Amino acid sequence: MDVEEIRAKIRNDTYVYTSHADIERQADDLTLMQVEEALLNGEVLEQYADTGRGESCLILGYSSDLPIHIVCGWRGEQVAIITIYIPGPPKFIDPQTRA
């Protein structure tokens, strides 16, 4: 997935949250604006091949100084936000490095 295409979809409000992503966003006390900000300044950290649900990617972006990981895929012409979380132990040493 191309980060510039994802950013364009975010700017044009051509994206959807999965119910899982919205639950995870609320669990980490993140606002919709924080997620949008992170997507608009983020970079693709990992690309995932089509594993039966289509291609997806992990984006690392920041809202102020807060790192946010966002997994995005496609739902038709829309970007689908699959999950959202604040990276940290035990899975991540830092926002860019898996443990």
N, C-alpha and C. Protein backbone atom coordinates (compact mmCIF):
# COMPACT_ATOMS: atom_id res chain seq x y z
N MET A 1 0.85 -1.18 0.00
CA MET A 1 0.00 0.00 0.00
C MET A 1 0.89 1.23 0.00
N ASP A 2 0.44 2.25 -0.67
CA ASP A 2 1.20 3.47 -0.82
C ASP A 2 0.73 4.52 0.20
N VAL A 3 1.66 5.05 0.98
CA VAL A 3 1.30 6.00 2.03
C VAL A 3 0.68 7.27 1.47
N GLU A 4 1.11 7.72 0.31
CA GLU A 4 0.53 8.92 -0.28
C GLU A 4 -0.93 8.69 -0.68
N GLU A 5 -1.23 7.51 -1.18
CA GLU A 5 -2.62 7.18 -1.52
C GLU A 5 -3.48 7.11 -0.26
N ILE A 6 -2.93 6.55 0.80
CA ILE A 6 -3.65 6.49 2.08
C ILE A 6 -3.91 7.91 2.59
N ARG A 7 -2.90 8.76 2.56
CA ARG A 7 -3.07 10.15 3.01
C ARG A 7 -4.16 10.86 2.21
N ALA A 8 -4.18 10.66 0.89
CA ALA A 8 -5.20 11.29 0.05
C ALA A 8 -6.59 10.81 0.45
N LYS A 9 -6.73 9.52 0.74
CA LYS A 9 -8.03 8.99 1.16
C LYS A 9 -8.45 9.58 2.51
N ILE A 10 -7.49 9.77 3.40
CA ILE A 10 -7.81 10.36 4.71
C ILE A 10 -8.25 11.81 4.51
N ARG A 11 -7.50 12.56 3.72
CA ARG A 11 -7.85 13.97 3.46
C ARG A 11 -9.24 14.11 2.83
N ASN A 12 -9.62 13.14 1.98
CA ASN A 12 -10.91 13.19 1.29
C ASN A 12 -12.02 12.47 2.05
N ASP A 13 -11.72 12.04 3.27
CA ASP A 13 -12.71 11.35 4.11
C ASP A 13 -13.23 10.09 3.42
N THR A 14 -12.32 9.37 2.77
CA THR A 14 -12.65 8.14 2.06
C THR A 14 -12.03 6.97 2.82
N TYR A 15 -12.45 6.82 4.08
CA TYR A 15 -11.94 5.74 4.91
C TYR A 15 -13.02 5.33 5.90
N VAL A 16 -12.85 4.11 6.41
CA VAL A 16 -13.78 3.57 7.39
C VAL A 16 -12.99 2.90 8.51
N TYR A 17 -13.58 2.89 9.69
CA TYR A 17 -13.04 2.15 10.82
C TYR A 17 -13.75 0.81 10.89
N THR A 18 -13.01 -0.26 11.12
CA THR A 18 -13.65 -1.51 11.47
C THR A 18 -14.10 -1.38 12.92
N SER A 19 -15.03 -2.22 13.32
CA SER A 19 -15.47 -2.17 14.72
C SER A 19 -14.30 -2.49 15.65
N HIS A 20 -13.43 -3.41 15.24
CA HIS A 20 -12.26 -3.74 16.06
C HIS A 20 -11.36 -2.51 16.24
N ALA A 21 -11.12 -1.77 15.16
CA ALA A 21 -10.25 -0.59 15.24
C ALA A 21 -10.85 0.44 16.19
N ASP A 22 -12.15 0.63 16.12
CA ASP A 22 -12.76 1.63 16.99
C ASP A 22 -12.70 1.21 18.46
N ILE A 23 -12.87 -0.07 18.73
CA ILE A 23 -12.74 -0.57 20.10
C ILE A 23 -11.31 -0.36 20.61
N GLU A 24 -10.33 -0.69 19.78
CA GLU A 24 -8.92 -0.53 20.17
C GLU A 24 -8.55 0.94 20.34
N ARG A 25 -9.09 1.79 19.48
CA ARG A 25 -8.84 3.24 19.58
C ARG A 25 -9.34 3.76 20.92
N GLN A 26 -10.54 3.37 21.28
CA GLN A 26 -11.12 3.83 22.54
C GLN A 26 -10.39 3.23 23.74
N ALA A 27 -9.93 1.99 23.62
CA ALA A 27 -9.19 1.35 24.72
C ALA A 27 -7.89 2.09 25.03
N ASP A 28 -7.27 2.67 24.01
CA ASP A 28 -6.04 3.45 24.21
C ASP A 28 -6.33 4.93 24.39
N ASP A 29 -7.62 5.27 24.52
CA ASP A 29 -8.05 6.65 24.77
C ASP A 29 -7.55 7.61 23.68
N LEU A 30 -7.65 7.16 22.42
CA LEU A 30 -7.23 7.97 21.29
C LEU A 30 -8.46 8.59 20.63
N THR A 31 -8.33 9.83 20.19
CA THR A 31 -9.42 10.49 19.50
C THR A 31 -9.33 10.22 18.00
N LEU A 32 -10.42 10.47 17.30
CA LEU A 32 -10.41 10.33 15.85
C LEU A 32 -9.40 11.29 15.23
N MET A 33 -9.31 12.50 15.78
CA MET A 33 -8.35 13.49 15.27
C MET A 33 -6.91 13.03 15.46
N GLN A 34 -6.60 12.39 16.57
CA GLN A 34 -5.25 11.88 16.78
C GLN A 34 -4.89 10.82 15.74
N VAL A 35 -5.84 9.95 15.45
CA VAL A 35 -5.60 8.91 14.45
C VAL A 35 -5.40 9.53 13.08
N GLU A 36 -6.24 10.48 12.70
CA GLU A 36 -6.07 11.16 11.42
C GLU A 36 -4.71 11.85 11.34
N GLU A 37 -4.33 12.55 12.40
CA GLU A 37 -3.04 13.23 12.42
C GLU A 37 -1.90 12.24 12.20
N ALA A 38 -1.96 11.10 12.89
CA ALA A 38 -0.93 10.09 12.75
C ALA A 38 -0.88 9.52 11.33
N LEU A 39 -2.04 9.32 10.73
CA LEU A 39 -2.06 8.81 9.36
C LEU A 39 -1.51 9.83 8.37
N LEU A 40 -1.78 11.09 8.60
CA LEU A 40 -1.33 12.14 7.68
C LEU A 40 0.17 12.41 7.76
N ASN A 41 0.80 12.09 8.89
CA ASN A 41 2.25 12.30 8.98
C ASN A 41 3.03 10.99 9.06
N GLY A 42 2.31 9.87 8.99
CA GLY A 42 2.93 8.57 9.19
C GLY A 42 3.69 8.03 7.99
N GLU A 43 4.43 6.99 8.28
CA GLU A 43 5.19 6.25 7.28
C GLU A 43 4.88 4.77 7.41
N VAL A 44 4.93 4.07 6.29
CA VAL A 44 4.69 2.62 6.31
C VAL A 44 5.89 1.95 6.98
N LEU A 45 5.59 1.20 8.03
CA LEU A 45 6.61 0.47 8.78
C LEU A 45 6.73 -0.96 8.25
N GLU A 46 5.61 -1.57 7.93
CA GLU A 46 5.58 -2.95 7.42
C GLU A 46 4.49 -3.07 6.36
N GLN A 47 4.78 -3.85 5.33
CA GLN A 47 3.79 -4.18 4.29
C GLN A 47 3.41 -5.65 4.48
N TYR A 48 2.13 -5.94 4.33
CA TYR A 48 1.64 -7.31 4.45
C TYR A 48 1.01 -7.73 3.12
N ALA A 49 1.43 -8.88 2.64
CA ALA A 49 0.88 -9.40 1.38
C ALA A 49 -0.58 -9.80 1.58
N ASP A 50 -1.24 -10.07 0.50
CA ASP A 50 -2.63 -10.52 0.54
C ASP A 50 -2.67 -11.89 1.22
N THR A 51 -3.25 -11.92 2.40
CA THR A 51 -3.35 -13.18 3.16
C THR A 51 -4.79 -13.69 3.18
N GLY A 52 -5.54 -13.35 2.16
CA GLY A 52 -6.93 -13.77 2.09
C GLY A 52 -7.90 -12.64 2.34
N ARG A 53 -7.43 -11.55 2.93
CA ARG A 53 -8.27 -10.37 3.19
C ARG A 53 -7.80 -9.16 2.39
N GLY A 54 -6.84 -9.36 1.53
CA GLY A 54 -6.28 -8.26 0.77
C GLY A 54 -5.00 -7.75 1.40
N GLU A 55 -4.31 -6.90 0.67
CA GLU A 55 -3.06 -6.36 1.20
C GLU A 55 -3.36 -5.35 2.31
N SER A 56 -2.38 -5.19 3.18
CA SER A 56 -2.51 -4.22 4.26
C SER A 56 -1.12 -3.74 4.64
N CYS A 57 -1.07 -2.76 5.55
CA CYS A 57 0.22 -2.26 5.99
C CYS A 57 0.10 -1.70 7.41
N LEU A 58 1.23 -1.62 8.06
CA LEU A 58 1.34 -1.01 9.39
C LEU A 58 1.96 0.36 9.22
N ILE A 59 1.25 1.37 9.68
CA ILE A 59 1.75 2.75 9.61
C ILE A 59 2.13 3.20 11.02
N LEU A 60 3.28 3.84 11.12
CA LEU A 60 3.70 4.51 12.35
C LEU A 60 3.56 6.00 12.11
N GLY A 61 2.71 6.62 12.90
CA GLY A 61 2.53 8.07 12.84
C GLY A 61 2.51 8.63 14.24
N TYR A 62 2.51 9.94 14.32
CA TYR A 62 2.55 10.61 15.62
C TYR A 62 1.43 11.63 15.73
N SER A 63 0.88 11.71 16.92
CA SER A 63 -0.01 12.80 17.28
C SER A 63 0.70 13.53 18.41
N SER A 64 1.14 14.73 18.14
CA SER A 64 2.08 15.42 19.03
C SER A 64 3.28 14.50 19.17
N ASP A 65 3.65 14.10 20.37
CA ASP A 65 4.79 13.20 20.55
C ASP A 65 4.37 11.76 20.77
N LEU A 66 3.09 11.47 20.65
CA LEU A 66 2.57 10.13 20.93
C LEU A 66 2.64 9.25 19.68
N PRO A 67 3.42 8.13 19.74
CA PRO A 67 3.47 7.23 18.59
C PRO A 67 2.18 6.39 18.53
N ILE A 68 1.68 6.22 17.31
CA ILE A 68 0.48 5.43 17.10
C ILE A 68 0.72 4.49 15.93
N HIS A 69 0.40 3.21 16.13
CA HIS A 69 0.44 2.24 15.04
C HIS A 69 -0.98 2.06 14.51
N ILE A 70 -1.10 2.05 13.19
CA ILE A 70 -2.39 1.89 12.54
C ILE A 70 -2.21 0.88 11.41
N VAL A 71 -3.00 -0.19 11.46
CA VAL A 71 -3.00 -1.16 10.37
C VAL A 71 -4.14 -0.79 9.44
N CYS A 72 -3.79 -0.61 8.16
CA CYS A 72 -4.76 -0.22 7.14
C CYS A 72 -4.82 -1.27 6.05
N GLY A 73 -5.99 -1.41 5.48
CA GLY A 73 -6.21 -2.26 4.32
C GLY A 73 -7.18 -1.55 3.39
N TRP A 74 -7.76 -2.30 2.48
CA TRP A 74 -8.72 -1.74 1.53
C TRP A 74 -10.09 -2.35 1.74
N ARG A 75 -11.10 -1.53 1.64
CA ARG A 75 -12.49 -1.98 1.58
C ARG A 75 -13.07 -1.28 0.37
N GLY A 76 -13.00 -1.96 -0.77
CA GLY A 76 -13.38 -1.33 -2.03
C GLY A 76 -12.41 -0.20 -2.33
N GLU A 77 -12.94 1.00 -2.55
CA GLU A 77 -12.11 2.17 -2.83
C GLU A 77 -11.71 2.92 -1.57
N GLN A 78 -12.18 2.46 -0.42
CA GLN A 78 -11.89 3.14 0.84
C GLN A 78 -10.73 2.48 1.57
N VAL A 79 -10.01 3.29 2.32
CA VAL A 79 -9.02 2.75 3.25
C VAL A 79 -9.79 2.22 4.45
N ALA A 80 -9.50 1.02 4.84
CA ALA A 80 -10.12 0.43 6.03
C ALA A 80 -9.09 0.46 7.16
N ILE A 81 -9.43 1.09 8.24
CA ILE A 81 -8.57 1.10 9.42
C ILE A 81 -8.92 -0.15 10.20
N ILE A 82 -7.97 -1.08 10.27
CA ILE A 82 -8.21 -2.41 10.81
C ILE A 82 -7.97 -2.47 12.31
N THR A 83 -6.87 -1.88 12.75
CA THR A 83 -6.59 -1.81 14.18
C THR A 83 -5.69 -0.63 14.46
N ILE A 84 -5.71 -0.21 15.71
CA ILE A 84 -4.95 0.96 16.17
C ILE A 84 -4.43 0.64 17.56
N TYR A 85 -3.18 1.01 17.81
CA TYR A 85 -2.66 0.82 19.17
C TYR A 85 -1.43 1.70 19.37
N ILE A 86 -1.12 1.91 20.63
CA ILE A 86 0.11 2.61 21.00
C ILE A 86 1.17 1.54 21.19
N PRO A 87 2.24 1.57 20.39
CA PRO A 87 3.24 0.50 20.48
C PRO A 87 4.04 0.57 21.77
N GLY A 88 4.35 -0.60 22.30
CA GLY A 88 5.15 -0.68 23.51
C GLY A 88 5.42 -2.13 23.86
N PRO A 89 6.14 -2.35 24.96
CA PRO A 89 6.42 -3.71 25.41
C PRO A 89 5.12 -4.47 25.69
N PRO A 90 5.07 -5.73 25.51
CA PRO A 90 6.19 -6.63 25.19
C PRO A 90 6.44 -6.80 23.70
N LYS A 91 5.58 -6.28 22.83
CA LYS A 91 5.73 -6.54 21.39
C LYS A 91 6.71 -5.59 20.71
N PHE A 92 6.87 -4.37 21.24
CA PHE A 92 7.76 -3.41 20.60
C PHE A 92 8.75 -2.83 21.62
N ILE A 93 10.02 -2.79 21.22
CA ILE A 93 11.08 -2.18 22.04
C ILE A 93 10.93 -0.66 22.00
N ASP A 94 10.67 -0.16 20.82
CA ASP A 94 10.38 1.25 20.60
C ASP A 94 9.39 1.29 19.44
N PRO A 95 8.88 2.46 19.06
CA PRO A 95 7.83 2.50 18.04
C PRO A 95 8.19 1.87 16.70
N GLN A 96 9.49 1.71 16.42
CA GLN A 96 9.91 1.17 15.12
C GLN A 96 10.47 -0.24 15.19
N THR A 97 10.69 -0.77 16.39
CA THR A 97 11.41 -2.05 16.53
C THR A 97 10.60 -3.08 17.29
N ARG A 98 10.33 -4.21 16.60
CA ARG A 98 9.66 -5.33 17.27
C ARG A 98 10.60 -5.99 18.27
N ALA A 99 10.03 -6.47 19.34
CA ALA A 99 10.82 -7.16 20.37
C ALA A 99 11.18 -8.56 19.89
